[in-house]
Amino acid sequence: AGGSLRLSCAASGLTFSVYTMAWFRQAPGKEREFVACNTWPGGSTISD
């Protein structure tokens, strides 16, 4: 607790700049939850 991590997602087979990319997470026994997404250039949304 209190530490940091940086996750990476490498994409292939798509035109990356015209795709919205997102992160979701899912804990055991729970539904998949939105975390964050972004578009190019510069638009993003972060979960509260």
All heavy atoms as atom14 arrays in JSON, in Angstrom:
{
  "sequence": "AGGSLRLSCAASGLTFSVYTMAWFRQAPGKEREFVACNTWPGGSTISD",
  "atom14_mask": [
    [1, 1, 1, 1, 1, 0, 0, 0, 0, 0, 0, 0, 0, 0],
    [1, 1, 1, 1, 0, 0, 0, 0, 0, 0, 0, 0, 0, 0],
    [1, 1, 1, 1, 0, 0, 0, 0, 0, 0, 0, 0, 0, 0],
    [1, 1, 1, 1, 1, 1, 0, 0, 0, 0, 0, 0, 0, 0],
    [1, 1, 1, 1, 1, 1, 1, 1, 0, 0, 0, 0, 0, 0],
    [1, 1, 1, 1, 1, 1, 1, 1, 1, 1, 1, 0, 0, 0],
    [1, 1, 1, 1, 1, 1, 1, 1, 0, 0, 0, 0, 0, 0],
    [1, 1, 1, 1, 1, 1, 0, 0, 0, 0, 0, 0, 0, 0],
    [1, 1, 1, 1, 1, 1, 0, 0, 0, 0, 0, 0, 0, 0],
    [1, 1, 1, 1, 1, 0, 0, 0, 0, 0, 0, 0, 0, 0],
    [1, 1, 1, 1, 1, 0, 0, 0, 0, 0, 0, 0, 0, 0],
    [1, 1, 1, 1, 1, 1, 0, 0, 0, 0, 0, 0, 0, 0],
    [1, 1, 1, 1, 0, 0, 0, 0, 0, 0, 0, 0, 0, 0],
    [1, 1, 1, 1, 1, 1, 1, 1, 0, 0, 0, 0, 0, 0],
    [1, 1, 1, 1, 1, 1, 1, 0, 0, 0, 0, 0, 0, 0],
    [1, 1, 1, 1, 1, 1, 1, 1, 1, 1, 1, 0, 0, 0],
    [1, 1, 1, 1, 1, 1, 0, 0, 0, 0, 0, 0, 0, 0],
    [1, 1, 1, 1, 1, 1, 1, 0, 0, 0, 0, 0, 0, 0],
    [1, 1, 1, 1, 1, 1, 1, 1, 1, 1, 1, 1, 0, 0],
    [1, 1, 1, 1, 1, 1, 1, 0, 0, 0, 0, 0, 0, 0],
    [1, 1, 1, 1, 1, 1, 1, 1, 0, 0, 0, 0, 0, 0],
    [1, 1, 1, 1, 1, 0, 0, 0, 0, 0, 0, 0, 0, 0],
    [1, 1, 1, 1, 1, 1, 1, 1, 1, 1, 1, 1, 1, 1],
    [1, 1, 1, 1, 1, 1, 1, 1, 1, 1, 1, 0, 0, 0],
    [1, 1, 1, 1, 1, 1, 1, 1, 1, 1, 1, 0, 0, 0],
    [1, 1, 1, 1, 1, 1, 1, 1, 1, 0, 0, 0, 0, 0],
    [1, 1, 1, 1, 1, 0, 0, 0, 0, 0, 0, 0, 0, 0],
    [1, 1, 1, 1, 1, 1, 1, 0, 0, 0, 0, 0, 0, 0],
    [1, 1, 1, 1, 0, 0, 0, 0, 0, 0, 0, 0, 0, 0],
    [1, 1, 1, 1, 1, 1, 1, 1, 1, 0, 0, 0, 0, 0],
    [1, 1, 1, 1, 1, 1, 1, 1, 1, 0, 0, 0, 0, 0],
    [1, 1, 1, 1, 1, 1, 1, 1, 1, 1, 1, 0, 0, 0],
    [1, 1, 1, 1, 1, 1, 1, 1, 1, 0, 0, 0, 0, 0],
    [1, 1, 1, 1, 1, 1, 1, 1, 1, 1, 1, 0, 0, 0],
    [1, 1, 1, 1, 1, 1, 1, 0, 0, 0, 0, 0, 0, 0],
    [1, 1, 1, 1, 1, 0, 0, 0, 0, 0, 0, 0, 0, 0],
    [1, 1, 1, 1, 1, 1, 0, 0, 0, 0, 0, 0, 0, 0],
    [1, 1, 1, 1, 1, 1, 1, 1, 0, 0, 0, 0, 0, 0],
    [1, 1, 1, 1, 1, 1, 1, 0, 0, 0, 0, 0, 0, 0],
    [1, 1, 1, 1, 1, 1, 1, 1, 1, 1, 1, 1, 1, 1],
    [1, 1, 1, 1, 1, 1, 1, 0, 0, 0, 0, 0, 0, 0],
    [1, 1, 1, 1, 0, 0, 0, 0, 0, 0, 0, 0, 0, 0],
    [1, 1, 1, 1, 0, 0, 0, 0, 0, 0, 0, 0, 0, 0],
    [1, 1, 1, 1, 1, 1, 0, 0, 0, 0, 0, 0, 0, 0],
    [1, 1, 1, 1, 1, 1, 1, 0, 0, 0, 0, 0, 0, 0],
    [1, 1, 1, 1, 1, 1, 1, 1, 0, 0, 0, 0, 0, 0],
    [1, 1, 1, 1, 1, 1, 0, 0, 0, 0, 0, 0, 0, 0],
    [1, 1, 1, 1, 1, 1, 1, 1, 0, 0, 0, 0, 0, 0]
  ],
  "atom14_positions": [
    [[0.83, -1.2, 0.0], [0.0, 0.0, 0.0], [0.87, 1.25, 0.0], [1.87, 1.32, 0.72], [-0.93, -0.01, 1.2], [0.0, 0.0, 0.0], [0.0, 0.0, 0.0], [0.0, 0.0, 0.0], [0.0, 0.0, 0.0], [0.0, 0.0, 0.0], [0.0, 0.0, 0.0], [0.0, 0.0, 0.0], [0.0, 0.0, 0.0], [0.0, 0.0, 0.0]],
    [[0.47, 2.23, -0.81], [1.24, 3.44, -0.96], [2.24, 3.41, -2.09], [2.79, 4.46, -2.47], [0.0, 0.0, 0.0], [0.0, 0.0, 0.0], [0.0, 0.0, 0.0], [0.0, 0.0, 0.0], [0.0, 0.0, 0.0], [0.0, 0.0, 0.0], [0.0, 0.0, 0.0], [0.0, 0.0, 0.0], [0.0, 0.0, 0.0], [0.0, 0.0, 0.0]],
    [[2.46, 2.24, -2.67], [3.4, 2.1, -3.76], [2.81, 2.46, -5.11], [1.65, 2.87, -5.21], [0.0, 0.0, 0.0], [0.0, 0.0, 0.0], [0.0, 0.0, 0.0], [0.0, 0.0, 0.0], [0.0, 0.0, 0.0], [0.0, 0.0, 0.0], [0.0, 0.0, 0.0], [0.0, 0.0, 0.0], [0.0, 0.0, 0.0], [0.0, 0.0, 0.0]],
    [[3.61, 2.28, -6.15], [3.22, 2.66, -7.5], [3.51, 1.54, -8.49], [4.43, 0.74, -8.3], [3.98, 3.91, -7.96], [3.67, 5.03, -7.15], [0.0, 0.0, 0.0], [0.0, 0.0, 0.0], [0.0, 0.0, 0.0], [0.0, 0.0, 0.0], [0.0, 0.0, 0.0], [0.0, 0.0, 0.0], [0.0, 0.0, 0.0], [0.0, 0.0, 0.0]],
    [[2.72, 1.5, -9.55], [2.95, 0.63, -10.69], [2.56, 1.38, -11.95], [1.69, 2.25, -11.92], [2.1, -0.65, -10.61], [2.49, -1.74, -9.64], [1.4, -2.82, -9.61], [3.82, -2.36, -10.03], [0.0, 0.0, 0.0], [0.0, 0.0, 0.0], [0.0, 0.0, 0.0], [0.0, 0.0, 0.0], [0.0, 0.0, 0.0], [0.0, 0.0, 0.0]],
    [[3.2, 1.03, -13.06], [2.77, 1.52, -14.35], [2.44, 0.35, -15.26], [3.31, -0.47, -15.57], [3.83, 2.4, -15.02], [3.28, 3.1, -16.28], [4.2, 4.14, -16.85], [5.22, 3.57, -17.72], [5.82, 4.25, -18.69], [5.5, 5.52, -18.92], [6.75, 3.65, -19.41], [0.0, 0.0, 0.0], [0.0, 0.0, 0.0], [0.0, 0.0, 0.0]],
    [[1.18, 0.28, -15.65], [0.73, -0.75, -16.58], [0.89, -0.26, -18.01], [0.72, 0.92, -18.3], [-0.73, -1.11, -16.33], [-1.12, -1.53, -14.91], [-2.59, -1.93, -14.88], [-0.23, -2.65, -14.41], [0.0, 0.0, 0.0], [0.0, 0.0, 0.0], [0.0, 0.0, 0.0], [0.0, 0.0, 0.0], [0.0, 0.0, 0.0], [0.0, 0.0, 0.0]],
    [[1.21, -1.18, -18.91], [1.31, -0.89, -20.33], [0.39, -1.81, -21.11], [0.17, -2.96, -20.72], [2.75, -1.08, -20.83], [3.64, -0.21, -20.18], [0.0, 0.0, 0.0], [0.0, 0.0, 0.0], [0.0, 0.0, 0.0], [0.0, 0.0, 0.0], [0.0, 0.0, 0.0], [0.0, 0.0, 0.0], [0.0, 0.0, 0.0], [0.0, 0.0, 0.0]],
    [[-0.14, -1.32, -22.21], [-0.95, -2.11, -23.12], [-0.46, -1.84, -24.53], [-0.63, -0.72, -25.04], [-2.43, -1.78, -22.97], [-3.49, -2.57, -24.21], [0.0, 0.0, 0.0], [0.0, 0.0, 0.0], [0.0, 0.0, 0.0], [0.0, 0.0, 0.0], [0.0, 0.0, 0.0], [0.0, 0.0, 0.0], [0.0, 0.0, 0.0], [0.0, 0.0, 0.0]],
    [[0.14, -2.84, -25.15], [0.63, -2.73, -26.52], [-0.43, -3.26, -27.48], [-0.88, -4.4, -27.34], [1.93, -3.49, -26.68], [0.0, 0.0, 0.0], [0.0, 0.0, 0.0], [0.0, 0.0, 0.0], [0.0, 0.0, 0.0], [0.0, 0.0, 0.0], [0.0, 0.0, 0.0], [0.0, 0.0, 0.0], [0.0, 0.0, 0.0], [0.0, 0.0, 0.0]],
    [[-0.8, -2.44, -28.45], [-1.85, -2.79, -29.4], [-1.25, -3.09, -30.77], [-0.28, -2.46, -31.19], [-2.87, -1.66, -29.52], [0.0, 0.0, 0.0], [0.0, 0.0, 0.0], [0.0, 0.0, 0.0], [0.0, 0.0, 0.0], [0.0, 0.0, 0.0], [0.0, 0.0, 0.0], [0.0, 0.0, 0.0], [0.0, 0.0, 0.0], [0.0, 0.0, 0.0]],
    [[-1.86, -4.02, -31.47], [-1.49, -4.32, -32.85], [-2.74, -4.69, -33.63], [-3.75, -5.1, -33.05], [-0.45, -5.44, -32.92], [-0.97, -6.65, -32.38], [0.0, 0.0, 0.0], [0.0, 0.0, 0.0], [0.0, 0.0, 0.0], [0.0, 0.0, 0.0], [0.0, 0.0, 0.0], [0.0, 0.0, 0.0], [0.0, 0.0, 0.0], [0.0, 0.0, 0.0]],
    [[-2.67, -4.53, -34.95], [-3.8, -4.88, -35.8], [-4.88, -3.82, -35.9], [-5.96, -4.11, -36.43], [0.0, 0.0, 0.0], [0.0, 0.0, 0.0], [0.0, 0.0, 0.0], [0.0, 0.0, 0.0], [0.0, 0.0, 0.0], [0.0, 0.0, 0.0], [0.0, 0.0, 0.0], [0.0, 0.0, 0.0], [0.0, 0.0, 0.0], [0.0, 0.0, 0.0]],
    [[-4.62, -2.62, -35.38], [-5.57, -1.52, -35.49], [-4.84, -0.21, -35.73], [-3.63, -0.11, -35.46], [-6.48, -1.44, -34.26], [-5.83, -1.36, -32.87], [-5.31, 0.04, -32.57], [-6.82, -1.79, -31.8], [0.0, 0.0, 0.0], [0.0, 0.0, 0.0], [0.0, 0.0, 0.0], [0.0, 0.0, 0.0], [0.0, 0.0, 0.0], [0.0, 0.0, 0.0]],
    [[-5.57, 0.79, -36.22], [-5.0, 2.13, -36.39], [-5.14, 2.84, -35.05], [-6.18, 3.39, -34.72], [-5.71, 2.9, -37.51], [-5.65, 2.14, -38.72], [-5.05, 4.25, -37.73], [0.0, 0.0, 0.0], [0.0, 0.0, 0.0], [0.0, 0.0, 0.0], [0.0, 0.0, 0.0], [0.0, 0.0, 0.0], [0.0, 0.0, 0.0], [0.0, 0.0, 0.0]],
    [[-4.06, 2.83, -34.29], [-4.1, 3.2, -32.89], [-4.66, 4.6, -32.65], [-5.44, 4.81, -31.72], [-2.69, 3.07, -32.29], [-2.63, 3.17, -30.8], [-3.06, 2.13, -30.0], [-2.14, 4.32, -30.2], [-3.0, 2.23, -28.62], [-2.06, 4.42, -28.83], [-2.5, 3.37, -28.04], [0.0, 0.0, 0.0], [0.0, 0.0, 0.0], [0.0, 0.0, 0.0]],
    [[-4.28, 5.56, -33.49], [-4.65, 6.96, -33.26], [-6.15, 7.23, -33.4], [-6.62, 8.27, -32.94], [-3.87, 7.88, -34.19], [-4.17, 7.62, -35.54], [0.0, 0.0, 0.0], [0.0, 0.0, 0.0], [0.0, 0.0, 0.0], [0.0, 0.0, 0.0], [0.0, 0.0, 0.0], [0.0, 0.0, 0.0], [0.0, 0.0, 0.0], [0.0, 0.0, 0.0]],
    [[-6.9, 6.35, -34.02], [-8.35, 6.55, -34.18], [-9.15, 5.62, -33.27], [-10.35, 5.43, -33.49], [-8.79, 6.41, -35.65], [-8.12, 7.47, -36.51], [-8.5, 5.02, -36.18], [0.0, 0.0, 0.0], [0.0, 0.0, 0.0], [0.0, 0.0, 0.0], [0.0, 0.0, 0.0], [0.0, 0.0, 0.0], [0.0, 0.0, 0.0], [0.0, 0.0, 0.0]],
    [[-8.51, 5.06, -32.26], [-9.18, 4.23, -31.28], [-9.13, 4.85, -29.9], [-8.1, 5.39, -29.49], [-8.55, 2.83, -31.21], [-9.12, 1.87, -32.22], [-8.8, 1.98, -33.57], [-10.0, 0.86, -31.83], [-9.34, 1.11, -34.5], [-10.53, -0.01, -32.76], [-10.2, 0.11, -34.09], [-10.73, -0.76, -35.02], [0.0, 0.0, 0.0], [0.0, 0.0, 0.0]],
    [[-10.27, 4.8, -29.22], [-10.29, 5.09, -27.8], [-9.76, 3.88, -27.05], [-10.16, 2.75, -27.31], [-11.72, 5.42, -27.33], [-12.16, 6.61, -27.98], [-11.77, 5.62, -25.83], [0.0, 0.0, 0.0], [0.0, 0.0, 0.0], [0.0, 0.0, 0.0], [0.0, 0.0, 0.0], [0.0, 0.0, 0.0], [0.0, 0.0, 0.0], [0.0, 0.0, 0.0]],
    [[-8.84, 4.14, -26.12], [-8.25, 3.08, -25.31], [-8.7, 3.25, -23.87], [-8.86, 4.37, -23.38], [-6.73, 3.13, -25.4], [-6.18, 3.05, -26.81], [-6.57, 1.48, -27.65], [-5.73, 0.3, -26.58], [0.0, 0.0, 0.0], [0.0, 0.0, 0.0], [0.0, 0.0, 0.0], [0.0, 0.0, 0.0], [0.0, 0.0, 0.0], [0.0, 0.0, 0.0]],
    [[-8.88, 2.13, -23.18], [-9.4, 2.18, -21.83], [-8.76, 1.13, -20.94], [-8.2, 0.14, -21.42], [-10.92, 1.99, -21.83], [0.0, 0.0, 0.0], [0.0, 0.0, 0.0], [0.0, 0.0, 0.0], [0.0, 0.0, 0.0], [0.0, 0.0, 0.0], [0.0, 0.0, 0.0], [0.0, 0.0, 0.0], [0.0, 0.0, 0.0], [0.0, 0.0, 0.0]],
    [[-8.88, 1.36, -19.65], [-8.53, 0.39, -18.63], [-9.76, 0.09, -17.79], [-10.46, 1.01, -17.34], [-7.41, 0.88, -17.73], [-6.09, 0.99, -18.41], [-5.53, 2.1, -18.98], [-5.13, -0.07, -18.58], [-4.3, 1.8, -19.51], [-4.03, 0.48, -19.28], [-5.11, -1.41, -18.22], [-2.91, -0.29, -19.61], [-4.0, -2.18, -18.56], [-2.92, -1.61, -19.25]],
    [[-10.02, -1.19, -17.57], [-11.04, -1.68, -16.66], [-10.36, -2.58, -15.63], [-9.24, -3.05, -15.85], [-12.12, -2.46, -17.39], [-13.03, -1.64, -18.25], [-12.61, -1.18, -19.49], [-14.31, -1.32, -17.83], [-13.45, -0.43, -20.3], [-15.16, -0.57, -18.62], [-14.73, -0.12, -19.86], [0.0, 0.0, 0.0], [0.0, 0.0, 0.0], [0.0, 0.0, 0.0]],
    [[-11.06, -2.84, -14.54], [-10.54, -3.79, -13.56], [-11.68, -4.64, -13.02], [-12.84, -4.23, -13.01], [-9.8, -3.08, -12.42], [-10.67, -2.19, -11.55], [-9.8, -1.42, -10.56], [-10.6, -0.61, -9.64], [-10.08, 0.22, -8.74], [-8.77, 0.34, -8.63], [-10.89, 0.92, -7.95], [0.0, 0.0, 0.0], [0.0, 0.0, 0.0], [0.0, 0.0, 0.0]],
    [[-11.33, -5.83, -12.56], [-12.32, -6.75, -12.03], [-11.74, -7.5, -10.84], [-10.75, -8.23, -10.98], [-12.77, -7.74, -13.11], [-13.95, -8.6, -12.69], [-14.57, -9.32, -13.86], [-13.94, -9.51, -14.9], [-15.82, -9.72, -13.71], [0.0, 0.0, 0.0], [0.0, 0.0, 0.0], [0.0, 0.0, 0.0], [0.0, 0.0, 0.0], [0.0, 0.0, 0.0]],
    [[-12.36, -7.32, -9.69], [-12.0, -8.04, -8.49], [-12.82, -9.32, -8.39], [-13.91, -9.41, -8.98], [-12.22, -7.16, -7.26], [0.0, 0.0, 0.0], [0.0, 0.0, 0.0], [0.0, 0.0, 0.0], [0.0, 0.0, 0.0], [0.0, 0.0, 0.0], [0.0, 0.0, 0.0], [0.0, 0.0, 0.0], [0.0, 0.0, 0.0], [0.0, 0.0, 0.0]],
    [[-12.35, -10.33, -7.66], [-13.1, -11.58, -7.53], [-14.52, -11.35, -7.04], [-14.74, -10.64, -6.06], [-12.28, -12.38, -6.52], [-10.89, -11.85, -6.67], [-11.06, -10.38, -6.95], [0.0, 0.0, 0.0], [0.0, 0.0, 0.0], [0.0, 0.0, 0.0], [0.0, 0.0, 0.0], [0.0, 0.0, 0.0], [0.0, 0.0, 0.0], [0.0, 0.0, 0.0]],
    [[-15.49, -11.94, -7.73], [-16.88, -11.85, -7.34], [-17.56, -10.54, -7.67], [-18.73, -10.36, -7.31], [0.0, 0.0, 0.0], [0.0, 0.0, 0.0], [0.0, 0.0, 0.0], [0.0, 0.0, 0.0], [0.0, 0.0, 0.0], [0.0, 0.0, 0.0], [0.0, 0.0, 0.0], [0.0, 0.0, 0.0], [0.0, 0.0, 0.0], [0.0, 0.0, 0.0]],
    [[-16.88, -9.64, -8.37], [-17.45, -8.35, -8.72], [-17.49, -8.16, -10.23], [-16.79, -8.83, -10.97], [-16.66, -7.21, -8.07], [-16.72, -7.19, -6.56], [-16.1, -5.93, -6.0], [-16.26, -5.85, -4.49], [-15.68, -4.6, -3.94], [0.0, 0.0, 0.0], [0.0, 0.0, 0.0], [0.0, 0.0, 0.0], [0.0, 0.0, 0.0], [0.0, 0.0, 0.0]],
    [[-18.33, -7.22, -10.66], [-18.42, -6.88, -12.08], [-17.2, -6.09, -12.52], [-16.54, -5.44, -11.72], [-19.69, -6.08, -12.35], [-20.98, -6.85, -12.11], [-22.21, -6.04, -12.44], [-22.08, -4.82, -12.7], [-23.31, -6.61, -12.46], [0.0, 0.0, 0.0], [0.0, 0.0, 0.0], [0.0, 0.0, 0.0], [0.0, 0.0, 0.0], [0.0, 0.0, 0.0]],
    [[-16.92, -6.17, -13.82], [-15.84, -5.39, -14.38], [-16.15, -3.9, -14.26], [-17.24, -3.44, -14.61], [-15.61, -5.79, -15.83], [-14.27, -5.33, -16.39], [-13.92, -6.09, -17.66], [-13.72, -7.51, -17.41], [-13.27, -8.37, -18.31], [-12.98, -7.96, -19.53], [-13.13, -9.64, -17.99], [0.0, 0.0, 0.0], [0.0, 0.0, 0.0], [0.0, 0.0, 0.0]],
    [[-15.17, -3.13, -13.79], [-15.34, -1.73, -13.42], [-14.48, -0.83, -14.28], [-13.28, -1.08, -14.48], [-14.98, -1.54, -11.94], [-14.98, -0.11, -11.44], [-14.38, 0.03, -10.06], [-13.6, -0.86, -9.65], [-14.69, 1.02, -9.37], [0.0, 0.0, 0.0], [0.0, 0.0, 0.0], [0.0, 0.0, 0.0], [0.0, 0.0, 0.0], [0.0, 0.0, 0.0]],
    [[-15.06, 0.26, -14.77], [-14.32, 1.25, -15.54], [-13.29, 1.95, -14.68], [-13.59, 2.33, -13.54], [-15.28, 2.28, -16.14], [-14.59, 3.43, -16.82], [-14.06, 3.28, -18.09], [-14.48, 4.65, -16.19], [-13.43, 4.33, -18.72], [-13.85, 5.71, -16.81], [-13.33, 5.55, -18.08], [0.0, 0.0, 0.0], [0.0, 0.0, 0.0], [0.0, 0.0, 0.0]],
    [[-12.1, 2.16, -15.23], [-11.04, 2.88, -14.54], [-10.7, 4.19, -15.25], [-10.72, 5.26, -14.65], [-9.77, 2.02, -14.4], [-8.64, 2.82, -13.75], [-10.06, 0.76, -13.6], [0.0, 0.0, 0.0], [0.0, 0.0, 0.0], [0.0, 0.0, 0.0], [0.0, 0.0, 0.0], [0.0, 0.0, 0.0], [0.0, 0.0, 0.0], [0.0, 0.0, 0.0]],
    [[-10.38, 4.11, -16.54], [-9.96, 5.29, -17.28], [-10.01, 5.01, -18.77], [-9.91, 3.86, -19.2], [-8.55, 5.72, -16.88], [0.0, 0.0, 0.0], [0.0, 0.0, 0.0], [0.0, 0.0, 0.0], [0.0, 0.0, 0.0], [0.0, 0.0, 0.0], [0.0, 0.0, 0.0], [0.0, 0.0, 0.0], [0.0, 0.0, 0.0], [0.0, 0.0, 0.0]],
    [[-10.13, 6.07, -19.58], [-10.01, 5.94, -21.02], [-9.43, 7.22, -21.59], [-9.48, 8.28, -20.95], [-11.35, 5.62, -21.69], [-12.57, 6.95, -21.67], [0.0, 0.0, 0.0], [0.0, 0.0, 0.0], [0.0, 0.0, 0.0], [0.0, 0.0, 0.0], [0.0, 0.0, 0.0], [0.0, 0.0, 0.0], [0.0, 0.0, 0.0], [0.0, 0.0, 0.0]],
    [[-8.88, 7.13, -22.79], [-8.42, 8.33, -23.47], [-8.51, 8.18, -24.98], [-8.6, 7.08, -25.52], [-7.01, 8.73, -23.02], [-5.89, 7.96, -23.68], [-6.07, 6.86, -24.19], [-4.7, 8.55, -23.65], [0.0, 0.0, 0.0], [0.0, 0.0, 0.0], [0.0, 0.0, 0.0], [0.0, 0.0, 0.0], [0.0, 0.0, 0.0], [0.0, 0.0, 0.0]],
    [[-8.51, 9.34, -25.64], [-8.49, 9.43, -27.09], [-7.3, 10.29, -27.5], [-6.65, 10.93, -26.65], [-9.78, 10.05, -27.64], [-9.95, 11.38, -27.11], [-11.0, 9.22, -27.26], [0.0, 0.0, 0.0], [0.0, 0.0, 0.0], [0.0, 0.0, 0.0], [0.0, 0.0, 0.0], [0.0, 0.0, 0.0], [0.0, 0.0, 0.0], [0.0, 0.0, 0.0]],
    [[-7.03, 10.33, -28.79], [-5.97, 11.19, -29.31], [-6.58, 12.31, -30.1], [-7.45, 12.06, -30.95], [-5.01, 10.37, -30.17], [-3.83, 11.17, -30.62], [-2.65, 11.34, -29.97], [-3.72, 11.92, -31.83], [-1.81, 12.15, -30.69], [-2.44, 12.52, -31.84], [-4.59, 12.14, -32.91], [-2.01, 13.33, -32.89], [-4.16, 12.96, -33.95], [-2.89, 13.53, -33.93]],
    [[-6.11, 13.58, -29.88], [-5.12, 13.96, -28.88], [-5.74, 14.42, -27.56], [-6.73, 15.16, -27.56], [-4.41, 15.13, -29.55], [-5.5, 15.8, -30.35], [-6.44, 14.69, -30.79], [0.0, 0.0, 0.0], [0.0, 0.0, 0.0], [0.0, 0.0, 0.0], [0.0, 0.0, 0.0], [0.0, 0.0, 0.0], [0.0, 0.0, 0.0], [0.0, 0.0, 0.0]],
    [[-5.2, 13.95, -26.46], [-5.36, 14.58, -25.16], [-6.63, 14.38, -24.37], [-6.67, 14.77, -23.2], [0.0, 0.0, 0.0], [0.0, 0.0, 0.0], [0.0, 0.0, 0.0], [0.0, 0.0, 0.0], [0.0, 0.0, 0.0], [0.0, 0.0, 0.0], [0.0, 0.0, 0.0], [0.0, 0.0, 0.0], [0.0, 0.0, 0.0], [0.0, 0.0, 0.0]],
    [[-7.69, 13.81, -24.93], [-8.91, 13.63, -24.18], [-8.86, 12.42, -23.28], [-8.4, 11.36, -23.68], [0.0, 0.0, 0.0], [0.0, 0.0, 0.0], [0.0, 0.0, 0.0], [0.0, 0.0, 0.0], [0.0, 0.0, 0.0], [0.0, 0.0, 0.0], [0.0, 0.0, 0.0], [0.0, 0.0, 0.0], [0.0, 0.0, 0.0], [0.0, 0.0, 0.0]],
    [[-9.35, 12.57, -22.05], [-9.35, 11.44, -21.13], [-10.46, 11.57, -20.1], [-10.95, 12.67, -19.82], [-8.0, 11.3, -20.43], [-7.73, 12.41, -19.6], [0.0, 0.0, 0.0], [0.0, 0.0, 0.0], [0.0, 0.0, 0.0], [0.0, 0.0, 0.0], [0.0, 0.0, 0.0], [0.0, 0.0, 0.0], [0.0, 0.0, 0.0], [0.0, 0.0, 0.0]],
    [[-10.84, 10.45, -19.53], [-11.82, 10.36, -18.46], [-11.3, 9.42, -17.39], [-10.79, 8.35, -17.72], [-13.18, 9.85, -18.98], [-13.67, 10.74, -19.98], [-14.2, 9.79, -17.84], [0.0, 0.0, 0.0], [0.0, 0.0, 0.0], [0.0, 0.0, 0.0], [0.0, 0.0, 0.0], [0.0, 0.0, 0.0], [0.0, 0.0, 0.0], [0.0, 0.0, 0.0]],
    [[-11.42, 9.82, -16.13], [-10.92, 9.04, -15.01], [-12.07, 8.75, -14.05], [-12.85, 9.65, -13.73], [-9.81, 9.79, -14.26], [-8.63, 10.1, -15.19], [-9.33, 8.99, -13.06], [-7.84, 8.89, -15.61], [0.0, 0.0, 0.0], [0.0, 0.0, 0.0], [0.0, 0.0, 0.0], [0.0, 0.0, 0.0], [0.0, 0.0, 0.0], [0.0, 0.0, 0.0]],
    [[-12.16, 7.51, -13.59], [-13.16, 7.16, -12.6], [-12.94, 7.91, -11.3], [-11.79, 8.12, -10.88], [-13.12, 5.65, -12.33], [-13.91, 5.3, -11.22], [0.0, 0.0, 0.0], [0.0, 0.0, 0.0], [0.0, 0.0, 0.0], [0.0, 0.0, 0.0], [0.0, 0.0, 0.0], [0.0, 0.0, 0.0], [0.0, 0.0, 0.0], [0.0, 0.0, 0.0]],
    [[-14.03, 8.3, -10.64], [-13.91, 9.01, -9.36], [-13.17, 8.19, -8.31], [-12.53, 8.76, -7.42], [-15.3, 9.38, -8.83], [-15.95, 10.51, -9.6], [-15.23, 11.22, -10.33], [-17.17, 10.68, -9.47], [0.0, 0.0, 0.0], [0.0, 0.0, 0.0], [0.0, 0.0, 0.0], [0.0, 0.0, 0.0], [0.0, 0.0, 0.0], [0.0, 0.0, 0.0]]
  ]
}
